[in-house]
Amino acid sequence: MKAIRGATTVAADNEESIKFAVKELLDEIFSVNKLRTDEVVCIMLSNTADIKSMYPAKAAREGGYALFPLYSSLEPPIDGSLALCIRVMVLCDRNKSVRHIYLRGAQNLRKDISKVLNIAIDGPAGSGKSTISRILAARLGILYLDTGAMYRAIALKCIRENADYADKDTVKKIVDNLDLKVDYSEGMQITLLDGEDVSEQIRTPQVSLLASYVSAYGFVRNKMVELQREIAAKRSCVLDGRDIGTNVLPDCEFKFFLTADAAVRAKRRHLENISKGVEQSYEEVLKDLEERDFHDKNRAIAPLKQAADAVVVDTSEMSIDEVASYILSKIEEKI
């Protein structure tokens, strides 16, 4: 069972304004969450004491939601509370993640989800960026944009075409004709290369190492950054990479730089490879990681670098939950 919460305000205490506000709010909740009628258990509405012209439940019924059980209640007057406010809670029978909706004046109640919220997570390989970013996105109810997956897709394309990644013109030809799309399903990112879901194929050590090299080309980064900025401008999301806070979204309000000892990072990556059935010794993982660190830090274009205003988090001695909770606490301090 999931509860989708929402709220809005009305322009004035009259039936027309109440009907419009309730329908707008419910329409948005159903549209954004792609709710089916058979998933909805009931809709519970409430209104502040200064709304007297019409109960929100009646407005919902007249707005096309008579199919569902509707309940209305009157909130007690509270000094300093938001005026002319209508709240809703839609109870639904589903396991998918949900998005809460706050419109008009009620956006001030939940600034964390009612405005576009971008969180930049930078750091070297194996520092836990991807894992932490997914957890943050899930807890905040926003999207996780795996920027590294885009570069990995280009690397996979080079491998499939047996292309010389050191030849700039060859890579540019591949990029110019690249069919790369990012889609989402149940809050998870799907990387589509030439129409094929390659979300798993791009996670091999070979692709990972090659991605670091091809991403150093300016034309590659320009194309990927343009796509990333378009997505981030339209919807709240967590982005992880090497240069999110310094290059992709330099004006991002929330920036974090994750780091950890190289031996710790190599151990994490080695265990991850084992869980995926990838055969590679710890020594090989450590060598690849150190090589990638050197290349990422010293490349001419958008190198791995901590943003001046980023919060540094050393994850060497921290659990995943501790890191996520710490970052969330820092975000909540600003919201």
C-alpha atoms as a PDB file:
ATOM      1  CA  MET A   1       0.000   0.000   0.000  1.00  0.00           C
ATOM      2  CA  LYS A   2       1.328   3.443  -0.958  1.00  0.00           C
ATOM      3  CA  ALA A   3       0.122   6.898   0.095  1.00  0.00           C
ATOM      4  CA  ILE A   4       0.543   9.709  -2.410  1.00  0.00           C
ATOM      5  CA  ARG A   5       0.349  13.072  -0.702  1.00  0.00           C
ATOM      6  CA  GLY A   6      -0.412  16.434  -2.221  1.00  0.00           C
ATOM      7  CA  ALA A   7      -1.638  19.913  -1.469  1.00  0.00           C
ATOM      8  CA  THR A   8      -2.666  23.097  -3.213  1.00  0.00           C
ATOM      9  CA  THR A   9      -4.190  26.465  -2.430  1.00  0.00           C
ATOM     10  CA  VAL A  10      -7.285  28.165  -3.833  1.00  0.00           C
ATOM     11  CA  ALA A  11      -7.463  31.700  -5.145  1.00  0.00           C
ATOM     12  CA  ALA A  12     -10.614  32.424  -3.169  1.00  0.00           C
ATOM     13  CA  ASP A  13     -13.199  30.699  -0.996  1.00  0.00           C
ATOM     14  CA  ASN A  14     -15.779  30.008  -3.698  1.00  0.00           C
ATOM     15  CA  GLU A  15     -17.012  26.885  -5.468  1.00  0.00           C
ATOM     16  CA  GLU A  16     -15.379  27.690  -8.804  1.00  0.00           C
ATOM     17  CA  SER A  17     -11.915  28.110  -7.290  1.00  0.00           C
ATOM     18  CA  ILE A  18     -12.255  24.997  -5.126  1.00  0.00           C
ATOM     19  CA  LYS A  19     -13.435  22.822  -8.008  1.00  0.00           C
ATOM     20  CA  PHE A  20     -10.576  24.004 -10.213  1.00  0.00           C
ATOM     21  CA  ALA A  21      -7.909  23.521  -7.542  1.00  0.00           C
ATOM     22  CA  VAL A  22      -9.043  20.029  -6.530  1.00  0.00           C
ATOM     23  CA  LYS A  23      -9.312  18.778 -10.110  1.00  0.00           C
ATOM     24  CA  GLU A  24      -5.944  20.278 -11.035  1.00  0.00           C
ATOM     25  CA  LEU A  25      -4.266  18.613  -8.061  1.00  0.00           C
ATOM     26  CA  LEU A  26      -5.836  15.183  -8.577  1.00  0.00           C
ATOM     27  CA  ASP A  27      -5.233  15.276 -12.324  1.00  0.00           C
ATOM     28  CA  GLU A  28      -1.549  15.996 -11.684  1.00  0.00           C
ATOM     29  CA  ILE A  29      -1.237  13.223  -9.085  1.00  0.00           C
ATOM     30  CA  PHE A  30      -2.811  10.658 -11.399  1.00  0.00           C
ATOM     31  CA  SER A  31      -0.841  11.817 -14.452  1.00  0.00           C
ATOM     32  CA  VAL A  32       2.609  12.014 -12.872  1.00  0.00           C
ATOM     33  CA  ASN A  33       2.215   8.689 -11.059  1.00  0.00           C
ATOM     34  CA  LYS A  34       0.480   7.004 -13.997  1.00  0.00           C
ATOM     35  CA  LEU A  35      -2.198   5.744 -11.637  1.00  0.00           C
ATOM     36  CA  ARG A  36      -4.683   3.169 -12.887  1.00  0.00           C
ATOM     37  CA  THR A  37      -8.215   3.205 -11.530  1.00  0.00           C
ATOM     38  CA  ASP A  38      -7.877  -0.353 -10.221  1.00  0.00           C
ATOM     39  CA  GLU A  39      -4.889   0.688  -8.077  1.00  0.00           C
ATOM     40  CA  VAL A  40      -6.738   3.377  -6.113  1.00  0.00           C
ATOM     41  CA  VAL A  41      -8.211   2.340  -2.767  1.00  0.00           C
ATOM     42  CA  CYS A  42      -9.582   5.704  -1.666  1.00  0.00           C
ATOM     43  CA  ILE A  43      -8.955   9.442  -1.758  1.00  0.00           C
ATOM     44  CA  MET A  44      -8.837  11.414   1.480  1.00  0.00           C
ATOM     45  CA  LEU A  45      -9.096  15.208   1.384  1.00  0.00           C
ATOM     46  CA  SER A  46      -8.980  17.954   3.980  1.00  0.00           C
ATOM     47  CA  ASN A  47      -9.177  21.729   3.975  1.00  0.00           C
ATOM     48  CA  THR A  48      -8.192  24.577   6.260  1.00  0.00           C
ATOM     49  CA  ALA A  49     -10.913  26.224   8.330  1.00  0.00           C
ATOM     50  CA  ASP A  50     -11.061  29.291   6.082  1.00  0.00           C
ATOM     51  CA  ILE A  51     -12.537  27.229   3.201  1.00  0.00           C
ATOM     52  CA  LYS A  52     -16.314  27.010   3.668  1.00  0.00           C
ATOM     53  CA  SER A  53     -17.950  27.191   0.236  1.00  0.00           C
ATOM     54  CA  MET A  54     -17.528  23.526  -0.741  1.00  0.00           C
ATOM     55  CA  TYR A  55     -16.028  20.371   0.700  1.00  0.00           C
ATOM     56  CA  PRO A  56     -13.078  19.156  -1.411  1.00  0.00           C
ATOM     57  CA  ALA A  57     -14.601  15.668  -1.634  1.00  0.00           C
ATOM     58  CA  LYS A  58     -17.649  17.104  -3.387  1.00  0.00           C
ATOM     59  CA  ALA A  59     -15.378  19.037  -5.727  1.00  0.00           C
ATOM     60  CA  ALA A  60     -13.493  15.826  -6.481  1.00  0.00           C
ATOM     61  CA  ARG A  61     -16.720  13.982  -7.248  1.00  0.00           C
ATOM     62  CA  GLU A  62     -17.890  16.723  -9.605  1.00  0.00           C
ATOM     63  CA  GLY A  63     -14.402  16.844 -11.150  1.00  0.00           C
ATOM     64  CA  GLY A  64     -14.579  13.276 -12.421  1.00  0.00           C
ATOM     65  CA  TYR A  65     -13.380  11.262  -9.429  1.00  0.00           C
ATOM     66  CA  ALA A  66     -16.735   9.834  -8.320  1.00  0.00           C
ATOM     67  CA  LEU A  67     -15.464   6.339  -9.125  1.00  0.00           C
ATOM     68  CA  PHE A  68     -13.418   6.234  -5.910  1.00  0.00           C
ATOM     69  CA  PRO A  69     -14.378   6.356  -2.220  1.00  0.00           C
ATOM     70  CA  LEU A  70     -13.933   9.997  -1.193  1.00  0.00           C
ATOM     71  CA  TYR A  71     -13.497  11.304   2.329  1.00  0.00           C
ATOM     72  CA  SER A  72     -13.347  14.916   3.508  1.00  0.00           C
ATOM     73  CA  SER A  73     -12.349  16.468   6.815  1.00  0.00           C
ATOM     74  CA  LEU A  74     -11.965  19.950   8.220  1.00  0.00           C
ATOM     75  CA  GLU A  75      -8.595  20.875   9.684  1.00  0.00           C
ATOM     76  CA  PRO A  76      -8.591  22.740  13.020  1.00  0.00           C
ATOM     77  CA  PRO A  77      -7.486  26.366  12.843  1.00  0.00           C
ATOM     78  CA  ILE A  78      -3.765  26.734  13.595  1.00  0.00           C
ATOM     79  CA  ASP A  79      -2.017  30.076  13.992  1.00  0.00           C
ATOM     80  CA  GLY A  80       0.497  30.622  11.203  1.00  0.00           C
ATOM     81  CA  SER A  81      -0.783  27.787   8.995  1.00  0.00           C
ATOM     82  CA  LEU A  82      -1.072  28.192   5.241  1.00  0.00           C
ATOM     83  CA  ALA A  83      -4.319  29.916   4.242  1.00  0.00           C
ATOM     84  CA  LEU A  84      -6.906  28.496   1.852  1.00  0.00           C
ATOM     85  CA  CYS A  85      -5.148  25.157   1.630  1.00  0.00           C
ATOM     86  CA  ILE A  86      -6.497  21.808   0.444  1.00  0.00           C
ATOM     87  CA  ARG A  87      -4.612  18.594   1.159  1.00  0.00           C
ATOM     88  CA  VAL A  88      -5.090  15.179  -0.399  1.00  0.00           C
ATOM     89  CA  MET A  89      -3.859  11.662   0.261  1.00  0.00           C
ATOM     90  CA  VAL A  90      -4.452   9.004  -2.354  1.00  0.00           C
ATOM     91  CA  LEU A  91      -4.136   5.477  -0.986  1.00  0.00           C
ATOM     92  CA  CYS A  92      -3.202   3.022  -3.709  1.00  0.00           C
ATOM     93  CA  ASP A  93      -2.375  -0.652  -3.970  1.00  0.00           C
ATOM     94  CA  ARG A  94       0.998  -0.668  -5.732  1.00  0.00           C
ATOM     95  CA  ASN A  95       4.659  -1.440  -5.072  1.00  0.00           C
ATOM     96  CA  LYS A  96       6.100   1.161  -7.437  1.00  0.00           C
ATOM     97  CA  SER A  97       7.641   4.363  -6.157  1.00  0.00           C
ATOM     98  CA  VAL A  98       5.363   7.397  -6.025  1.00  0.00           C
ATOM     99  CA  ARG A  99       5.752  11.148  -6.424  1.00  0.00           C
ATOM    100  CA  HIS A 100       4.006  13.581  -4.113  1.00  0.00           C
ATOM    101  CA  ILE A 101       2.555  16.729  -5.690  1.00  0.00           C
ATOM    102  CA  TYR A 102       2.428  20.232  -4.216  1.00  0.00           C
ATOM    103  CA  LEU A 103       0.972  23.058  -6.307  1.00  0.00           C
ATOM    104  CA  ARG A 104       0.531  26.814  -6.086  1.00  0.00           C
ATOM    105  CA  GLY A 105       0.992  28.268  -2.610  1.00  0.00           C
ATOM    106  CA  ALA A 106       1.360  24.794  -1.101  1.00  0.00           C
ATOM    107  CA  GLN A 107       4.754  24.482  -2.793  1.00  0.00           C
ATOM    108  CA  ASN A 108       6.175  26.276   0.242  1.00  0.00           C
ATOM    109  CA  LEU A 109       5.201  23.245   2.336  1.00  0.00           C
ATOM    110  CA  ARG A 110       7.546  20.949   0.413  1.00  0.00           C
ATOM    111  CA  LYS A 111      10.255  22.925  -1.315  1.00  0.00           C
ATOM    112  CA  ASP A 112      12.295  19.743  -1.588  1.00  0.00           C
ATOM    113  CA  ILE A 113       9.886  18.213  -4.107  1.00  0.00           C
ATOM    114  CA  SER A 114       7.895  21.153  -5.463  1.00  0.00           C
ATOM    115  CA  LYS A 115      10.890  22.770  -7.156  1.00  0.00           C
ATOM    116  CA  VAL A 116      13.510  21.296  -9.428  1.00  0.00           C
ATOM    117  CA  LEU A 117      16.060  19.872  -7.028  1.00  0.00           C
ATOM    118  CA  ASN A 118      19.450  18.812  -8.395  1.00  0.00           C
ATOM    119  CA  ILE A 119      22.098  17.081  -6.296  1.00  0.00           C
ATOM    120  CA  ALA A 120      25.654  16.642  -7.601  1.00  0.00           C
ATOM    121  CA  ILE A 121      27.664  13.675  -6.336  1.00  0.00           C
ATOM    122  CA  ASP A 122      31.277  13.667  -7.556  1.00  0.00           C
ATOM    123  CA  GLY A 123      34.250  11.499  -6.704  1.00  0.00           C
ATOM    124  CA  PRO A 124      36.685   8.871  -7.975  1.00  0.00           C
ATOM    125  CA  ALA A 125      35.792   5.339  -9.031  1.00  0.00           C
ATOM    126  CA  GLY A 126      34.698   3.084  -6.200  1.00  0.00           C
ATOM    127  CA  SER A 127      33.913   5.888  -3.765  1.00  0.00           C
ATOM    128  CA  GLY A 128      30.264   4.806  -3.639  1.00  0.00           C
ATOM    129  CA  LYS A 129      28.774   7.527  -5.855  1.00  0.00           C
ATOM    130  CA  SER A 130      26.338   5.346  -7.758  1.00  0.00           C
ATOM    131  CA  THR A 131      25.099   3.428  -4.716  1.00  0.00           C
ATOM    132  CA  ILE A 132      24.631   6.557  -2.615  1.00  0.00           C
ATOM    133  CA  SER A 133      23.017   8.461  -5.486  1.00  0.00           C
ATOM    134  CA  ARG A 134      20.420   5.726  -5.966  1.00  0.00           C
ATOM    135  CA  ILE A 135      19.618   5.707  -2.249  1.00  0.00           C
ATOM    136  CA  LEU A 136      19.268   9.499  -2.124  1.00  0.00           C
ATOM    137  CA  ALA A 137      17.025   9.540  -5.182  1.00  0.00           C
ATOM    138  CA  ALA A 138      14.805   6.828  -3.698  1.00  0.00           C
ATOM    139  CA  ARG A 139      14.507   8.533  -0.316  1.00  0.00           C
ATOM    140  CA  LEU A 140      13.750  11.922  -1.863  1.00  0.00           C
ATOM    141  CA  GLY A 141      11.378  10.494  -4.472  1.00  0.00           C
ATOM    142  CA  ILE A 142      13.344  11.964  -7.389  1.00  0.00           C
ATOM    143  CA  LEU A 143      15.253  10.487 -10.315  1.00  0.00           C
ATOM    144  CA  TYR A 144      18.778   9.129 -10.352  1.00  0.00           C
ATOM    145  CA  LEU A 145      20.576  10.211 -13.534  1.00  0.00           C
ATOM    146  CA  ASP A 146      23.554   7.914 -14.079  1.00  0.00           C
ATOM    147  CA  THR A 147      25.782  10.177 -16.182  1.00  0.00           C
ATOM    148  CA  GLY A 148      28.553   7.606 -16.314  1.00  0.00           C
ATOM    149  CA  ALA A 149      26.236   5.223 -18.129  1.00  0.00           C
ATOM    150  CA  MET A 150      26.135   7.632 -21.077  1.00  0.00           C
ATOM    151  CA  TYR A 151      29.910   7.582 -21.481  1.00  0.00           C
ATOM    152  CA  ARG A 152      29.988   3.834 -20.989  1.00  0.00           C
ATOM    153  CA  ALA A 153      27.496   3.481 -23.840  1.00  0.00           C
ATOM    154  CA  ILE A 154      29.864   5.320 -26.177  1.00  0.00           C
ATOM    155  CA  ALA A 155      32.707   3.084 -25.034  1.00  0.00           C
ATOM    156  CA  LEU A 156      30.584  -0.011 -25.700  1.00  0.00           C
ATOM    157  CA  LYS A 157      29.808   1.292 -29.181  1.00  0.00           C
ATOM    158  CA  CYS A 158      33.544   1.687 -29.873  1.00  0.00           C
ATOM    159  CA  ILE A 159      34.172  -1.876 -28.707  1.00  0.00           C
ATOM    160  CA  ARG A 160      31.350  -3.302 -30.813  1.00  0.00           C
ATOM    161  CA  GLU A 161      32.664  -1.544 -33.910  1.00  0.00           C
ATOM    162  CA  ASN A 162      36.244  -2.528 -33.099  1.00  0.00           C
ATOM    163  CA  ALA A 163      37.124   1.164 -33.291  1.00  0.00           C
ATOM    164  CA  ASP A 164      40.467   2.655 -32.301  1.00  0.00           C
ATOM    165  CA  TYR A 165      39.494   4.819 -29.323  1.00  0.00           C
ATOM    166  CA  ALA A 166      42.837   6.648 -29.596  1.00  0.00           C
ATOM    167  CA  ASP A 167      41.854   7.904 -33.053  1.00  0.00           C
ATOM    168  CA  LYS A 168      39.898  11.109 -32.443  1.00  0.00           C
ATOM    169  CA  ASP A 169      38.304  11.176 -35.903  1.00  0.00           C
ATOM    170  CA  THR A 170      37.076   7.597 -35.565  1.00  0.00           C
ATOM    171  CA  VAL A 171      35.457   8.267 -32.184  1.00  0.00           C
ATOM    172  CA  LYS A 172      33.924  11.519 -33.458  1.00  0.00           C
ATOM    173  CA  LYS A 173      32.299   9.660 -36.349  1.00  0.00           C
ATOM    174  CA  ILE A 174      30.776   7.213 -33.881  1.00  0.00           C
ATOM    175  CA  VAL A 175      29.516  10.033 -31.644  1.00  0.00           C
ATOM    176  CA  ASP A 176      28.077  12.013 -34.565  1.00  0.00           C
ATOM    177  CA  ASN A 177      25.998   8.987 -35.560  1.00  0.00           C
ATOM    178  CA  LEU A 178      25.260   7.787 -32.063  1.00  0.00           C
ATOM    179  CA  ASP A 179      21.731   6.647 -31.246  1.00  0.00           C
ATOM    180  CA  LEU A 180      21.713   7.050 -27.472  1.00  0.00           C
ATOM    181  CA  LYS A 181      18.641   7.587 -25.344  1.00  0.00           C
ATOM    182  CA  VAL A 182      17.957   7.639 -21.625  1.00  0.00           C
ATOM    183  CA  ASP A 183      14.632   6.288 -20.439  1.00  0.00           C
ATOM    184  CA  TYR A 184      13.150   5.579 -17.023  1.00  0.00           C
ATOM    185  CA  SER A 185      11.087   2.703 -15.699  1.00  0.00           C
ATOM    186  CA  GLU A 186       9.832   2.644 -12.110  1.00  0.00           C
ATOM    187  CA  GLY A 187      12.423   5.232 -11.120  1.00  0.00           C
ATOM    188  CA  MET A 188      15.331   3.336 -12.691  1.00  0.00           C
ATOM    189  CA  GLN A 189      17.396   4.565 -15.600  1.00  0.00           C
ATOM    190  CA  ILE A 190      17.544   2.515 -18.771  1.00  0.00           C
ATOM    191  CA  THR A 191      20.368   3.181 -21.245  1.00  0.00           C
ATOM    192  CA  LEU A 192      19.340   2.526 -24.836  1.00  0.00           C
ATOM    193  CA  LEU A 193      22.045   2.167 -27.483  1.00  0.00           C
ATOM    194  CA  ASP A 194      20.752   1.777 -31.034  1.00  0.00           C
ATOM    195  CA  GLY A 195      17.394   0.922 -29.501  1.00  0.00           C
ATOM    196  CA  GLU A 196      18.856  -1.862 -27.315  1.00  0.00           C
ATOM    197  CA  ASP A 197      18.806  -1.836 -23.536  1.00  0.00           C
ATOM    198  CA  VAL A 198      22.507  -2.082 -22.656  1.00  0.00           C
ATOM    199  CA  SER A 199      22.179  -1.227 -18.962  1.00  0.00           C
ATOM    200  CA  GLU A 200      23.989  -4.449 -17.975  1.00  0.00           C
ATOM    201  CA  GLN A 201      26.459  -4.693 -20.877  1.00  0.00           C
ATOM    202  CA  ILE A 202      28.059  -1.339 -20.022  1.00  0.00           C
ATOM    203  CA  ARG A 203      29.138  -2.506 -16.530  1.00  0.00           C
ATOM    204  CA  THR A 204      32.165  -4.628 -17.491  1.00  0.00           C
ATOM    205  CA  PRO A 205      35.711  -3.595 -16.444  1.00  0.00           C
ATOM    206  CA  GLN A 206      36.713  -3.197 -20.103  1.00  0.00           C
ATOM    207  CA  VAL A 207      33.888  -0.763 -20.803  1.00  0.00           C
ATOM    208  CA  SER A 208      34.527   1.065 -17.545  1.00  0.00           C
ATOM    209  CA  LEU A 209      38.192   1.724 -18.338  1.00  0.00           C
ATOM    210  CA  LEU A 210      37.549   2.700 -21.955  1.00  0.00           C
ATOM    211  CA  ALA A 211      34.801   5.111 -20.876  1.00  0.00           C
ATOM    212  CA  SER A 212      37.388   7.149 -19.004  1.00  0.00           C
ATOM    213  CA  TYR A 213      39.417   7.569 -22.195  1.00  0.00           C
ATOM    214  CA  VAL A 214      36.627   8.446 -24.626  1.00  0.00           C
ATOM    215  CA  SER A 215      35.085  10.890 -22.139  1.00  0.00           C
ATOM    216  CA  ALA A 216      38.264  12.972 -22.371  1.00  0.00           C
ATOM    217  CA  TYR A 217      37.358  14.039 -25.899  1.00  0.00           C
ATOM    218  CA  GLY A 218      35.735  17.476 -25.868  1.00  0.00           C
ATOM    219  CA  PHE A 219      33.094  16.619 -28.474  1.00  0.00           C
ATOM    220  CA  VAL A 220      32.034  13.565 -26.445  1.00  0.00           C
ATOM    221  CA  ARG A 221      31.628  15.547 -23.234  1.00  0.00           C
ATOM    222  CA  ASN A 222      29.856  18.420 -24.963  1.00  0.00           C
ATOM    223  CA  LYS A 223      27.194  16.105 -26.334  1.00  0.00           C
ATOM    224  CA  MET A 224      26.681  14.276 -23.056  1.00  0.00           C
ATOM    225  CA  VAL A 225      26.671  17.438 -20.923  1.00  0.00           C
ATOM    226  CA  GLU A 226      24.059  19.014 -23.171  1.00  0.00           C
ATOM    227  CA  LEU A 227      21.775  16.022 -22.684  1.00  0.00           C
ATOM    228  CA  GLN A 228      22.392  15.946 -18.926  1.00  0.00           C
ATOM    229  CA  ARG A 229      21.600  19.629 -18.516  1.00  0.00           C
ATOM    230  CA  GLU A 230      18.366  19.255 -20.503  1.00  0.00           C
ATOM    231  CA  ILE A 231      17.187  16.471 -18.196  1.00  0.00           C
ATOM    232  CA  ALA A 232      18.232  18.266 -14.985  1.00  0.00           C
ATOM    233  CA  ALA A 233      16.503  21.485 -16.016  1.00  0.00           C
ATOM    234  CA  LYS A 234      13.161  19.738 -16.335  1.00  0.00           C
ATOM    235  CA  ARG A 235      13.068  17.421 -13.351  1.00  0.00           C
ATOM    236  CA  SER A 236      14.589  16.893  -9.935  1.00  0.00           C
ATOM    237  CA  CYS A 237      17.390  14.368  -9.959  1.00  0.00           C
ATOM    238  CA  VAL A 238      20.618  13.162  -8.404  1.00  0.00           C
ATOM    239  CA  LEU A 239      23.583  13.189 -10.782  1.00  0.00           C
ATOM    240  CA  ASP A 240      26.867  11.431 -10.144  1.00  0.00           C
ATOM    241  CA  GLY A 241      30.133  11.628 -12.021  1.00  0.00           C
ATOM    242  CA  ARG A 242      33.555  13.252 -12.033  1.00  0.00           C
ATOM    243  CA  ASP A 243      32.695  16.842 -12.884  1.00  0.00           C
ATOM    244  CA  ILE A 244      29.009  17.387 -12.117  1.00  0.00           C
ATOM    245  CA  GLY A 245      29.602  20.160  -9.586  1.00  0.00           C
ATOM    246  CA  THR A 246      32.440  21.807 -11.501  1.00  0.00           C
ATOM    247  CA  ASN A 247      31.288  21.541 -15.100  1.00  0.00           C
ATOM    248  CA  VAL A 248      27.882  19.984 -15.770  1.00  0.00           C
ATOM    249  CA  LEU A 249      25.879  21.873 -13.133  1.00  0.00           C
ATOM    250  CA  PRO A 250      28.229  24.492 -11.642  1.00  0.00           C
ATOM    251  CA  ASP A 251      25.279  26.423 -10.180  1.00  0.00           C
ATOM    252  CA  CYS A 252      23.797  23.342  -8.499  1.00  0.00           C
ATOM    253  CA  GLU A 253      22.702  24.114  -4.939  1.00  0.00           C
ATOM    254  CA  PHE A 254      23.727  20.767  -3.441  1.00  0.00           C
ATOM    255  CA  LYS A 255      27.224  19.464  -4.184  1.00  0.00           C
ATOM    256  CA  PHE A 256      29.042  16.566  -2.533  1.00  0.00           C
ATOM    257  CA  PHE A 257      32.471  15.054  -3.196  1.00  0.00           C
ATOM    258  CA  LEU A 258      32.817  11.432  -2.090  1.00  0.00           C
ATOM    259  CA  THR A 259      36.237   9.927  -1.587  1.00  0.00           C
ATOM    260  CA  ALA A 260      37.879   6.907   0.059  1.00  0.00           C
ATOM    261  CA  ASP A 261      41.239   5.205   0.317  1.00  0.00           C
ATOM    262  CA  ALA A 262      42.242   3.471  -2.945  1.00  0.00           C
ATOM    263  CA  ALA A 263      42.532   0.071  -1.244  1.00  0.00           C
ATOM    264  CA  VAL A 264      39.023   0.417   0.190  1.00  0.00           C
ATOM    265  CA  ARG A 265      37.606   1.447  -3.170  1.00  0.00           C
ATOM    266  CA  ALA A 266      39.314  -1.437  -4.937  1.00  0.00           C
ATOM    267  CA  LYS A 267      37.913  -3.916  -2.406  1.00  0.00           C
ATOM    268  CA  ARG A 268      34.403  -2.570  -2.972  1.00  0.00           C
ATOM    269  CA  ARG A 269      34.733  -2.800  -6.756  1.00  0.00           C
ATOM    270  CA  HIS A 270      36.204  -6.312  -6.511  1.00  0.00           C
ATOM    271  CA  LEU A 271      33.257  -7.530  -4.409  1.00  0.00           C
ATOM    272  CA  GLU A 272      30.856  -5.876  -6.823  1.00  0.00           C
ATOM    273  CA  ASN A 273      32.493  -7.676  -9.756  1.00  0.00           C
ATOM    274  CA  ILE A 274      32.268 -11.005  -7.934  1.00  0.00           C
ATOM    275  CA  SER A 275      28.551 -10.498  -7.329  1.00  0.00           C
ATOM    276  CA  LYS A 276      28.118  -9.906 -11.062  1.00  0.00           C
ATOM    277  CA  GLY A 277      30.185 -12.897 -12.077  1.00  0.00           C
ATOM    278  CA  VAL A 278      33.056 -10.778 -13.430  1.00  0.00           C
ATOM    279  CA  GLU A 279      36.398 -12.590 -13.081  1.00  0.00           C
ATOM    280  CA  GLN A 280      39.110 -10.123 -12.103  1.00  0.00           C
ATOM    281  CA  SER A 281      41.560 -10.332  -9.227  1.00  0.00           C
ATOM    282  CA  TYR A 282      41.747  -7.716  -6.493  1.00  0.00           C
ATOM    283  CA  GLU A 283      45.227  -6.744  -7.699  1.00  0.00           C
ATOM    284  CA  GLU A 284      43.922  -6.170 -11.229  1.00  0.00           C
ATOM    285  CA  VAL A 285      41.017  -4.116  -9.894  1.00  0.00           C
ATOM    286  CA  LEU A 286      43.361  -1.952  -7.821  1.00  0.00           C
ATOM    287  CA  LYS A 287      45.689  -1.422 -10.783  1.00  0.00           C
ATOM    288  CA  ASP A 288      42.790  -0.448 -13.090  1.00  0.00           C
ATOM    289  CA  LEU A 289      41.381   1.864 -10.435  1.00  0.00           C
ATOM    290  CA  GLU A 290      44.703   3.641  -9.867  1.00  0.00           C
ATOM    291  CA  GLU A 291      45.187   3.990 -13.612  1.00  0.00           C
ATOM    292  CA  ARG A 292      41.728   5.458 -13.973  1.00  0.00           C
ATOM    293  CA  ASP A 293      42.284   7.828 -11.048  1.00  0.00           C
ATOM    294  CA  PHE A 294      45.451   9.166 -12.680  1.00  0.00           C
ATOM    295  CA  HIS A 295      43.766   9.598 -16.048  1.00  0.00           C
ATOM    296  CA  ASP A 296      40.633  11.218 -14.596  1.00  0.00           C
ATOM    297  CA  LYS A 297      42.637  13.708 -12.533  1.00  0.00           C
ATOM    298  CA  ASN A 298      45.051  14.667 -15.304  1.00  0.00           C
ATOM    299  CA  ARG A 299      42.926  14.839 -18.428  1.00  0.00           C
ATOM    300  CA  ALA A 300      42.807  18.249 -20.069  1.00  0.00           C
ATOM    301  CA  ILE A 301      39.013  18.507 -20.318  1.00  0.00           C
ATOM    302  CA  ALA A 302      36.784  18.475 -17.212  1.00  0.00           C
ATOM    303  CA  PRO A 303      39.136  16.519 -14.940  1.00  0.00           C
ATOM    304  CA  LEU A 304      38.096  14.925 -11.665  1.00  0.00           C
ATOM    305  CA  LYS A 305      38.090  17.848  -9.259  1.00  0.00           C
ATOM    306  CA  GLN A 306      36.335  18.824  -6.082  1.00  0.00           C
ATOM    307  CA  ALA A 307      34.074  21.868  -6.458  1.00  0.00           C
ATOM    308  CA  ALA A 308      35.065  24.672  -4.089  1.00  0.00           C
ATOM    309  CA  ASP A 309      31.601  24.698  -2.520  1.00  0.00           C
ATOM    310  CA  ALA A 310      31.166  20.910  -2.327  1.00  0.00           C
ATOM    311  CA  VAL A 311      30.841  19.047   0.972  1.00  0.00           C
ATOM    312  CA  VAL A 312      33.616  16.442   1.177  1.00  0.00           C
ATOM    313  CA  VAL A 313      32.609  13.026   2.510  1.00  0.00           C
ATOM    314  CA  ASP A 314      35.315  10.428   3.201  1.00  0.00           C
ATOM    315  CA  THR A 315      33.445   7.125   2.982  1.00  0.00           C
ATOM    316  CA  SER A 316      36.401   4.883   3.935  1.00  0.00           C
ATOM    317  CA  GLU A 317      35.086   4.099   7.414  1.00  0.00           C
ATOM    318  CA  MET A 318      31.386   4.784   6.826  1.00  0.00           C
ATOM    319  CA  SER A 319      28.568   2.406   5.983  1.00  0.00           C
ATOM    320  CA  ILE A 320      26.317   3.094   3.026  1.00  0.00           C
ATOM    321  CA  ASP A 321      23.467   4.075   5.321  1.00  0.00           C
ATOM    322  CA  GLU A 322      25.724   6.420   7.302  1.00  0.00           C
ATOM    323  CA  VAL A 323      26.852   8.205   4.144  1.00  0.00           C
ATOM    324  CA  ALA A 324      23.307   8.564   2.822  1.00  0.00           C
ATOM    325  CA  SER A 325      21.976   9.823   6.158  1.00  0.00           C
ATOM    326  CA  TYR A 326      24.801  12.348   6.472  1.00  0.00           C
ATOM    327  CA  ILE A 327      24.203  13.767   2.991  1.00  0.00           C
ATOM    328  CA  LEU A 328      20.445  13.910   3.569  1.00  0.00           C
ATOM    329  CA  SER A 329      21.009  15.849   6.790  1.00  0.00           C
ATOM    330  CA  LYS A 330      23.125  18.380   4.901  1.00  0.00           C
ATOM    331  CA  ILE A 331      20.412  18.776   2.255  1.00  0.00           C
ATOM    332  CA  GLU A 332      17.709  19.224   4.860  1.00  0.00           C
ATOM    333  CA  GLU A 333      19.739  21.988   6.500  1.00  0.00           C
ATOM    334  CA  LYS A 334      19.378  24.083   3.334  1.00  0.00           C
ATOM    335  CA  ILE A 335      15.795  23.246   2.364  1.00  0.00           C
END
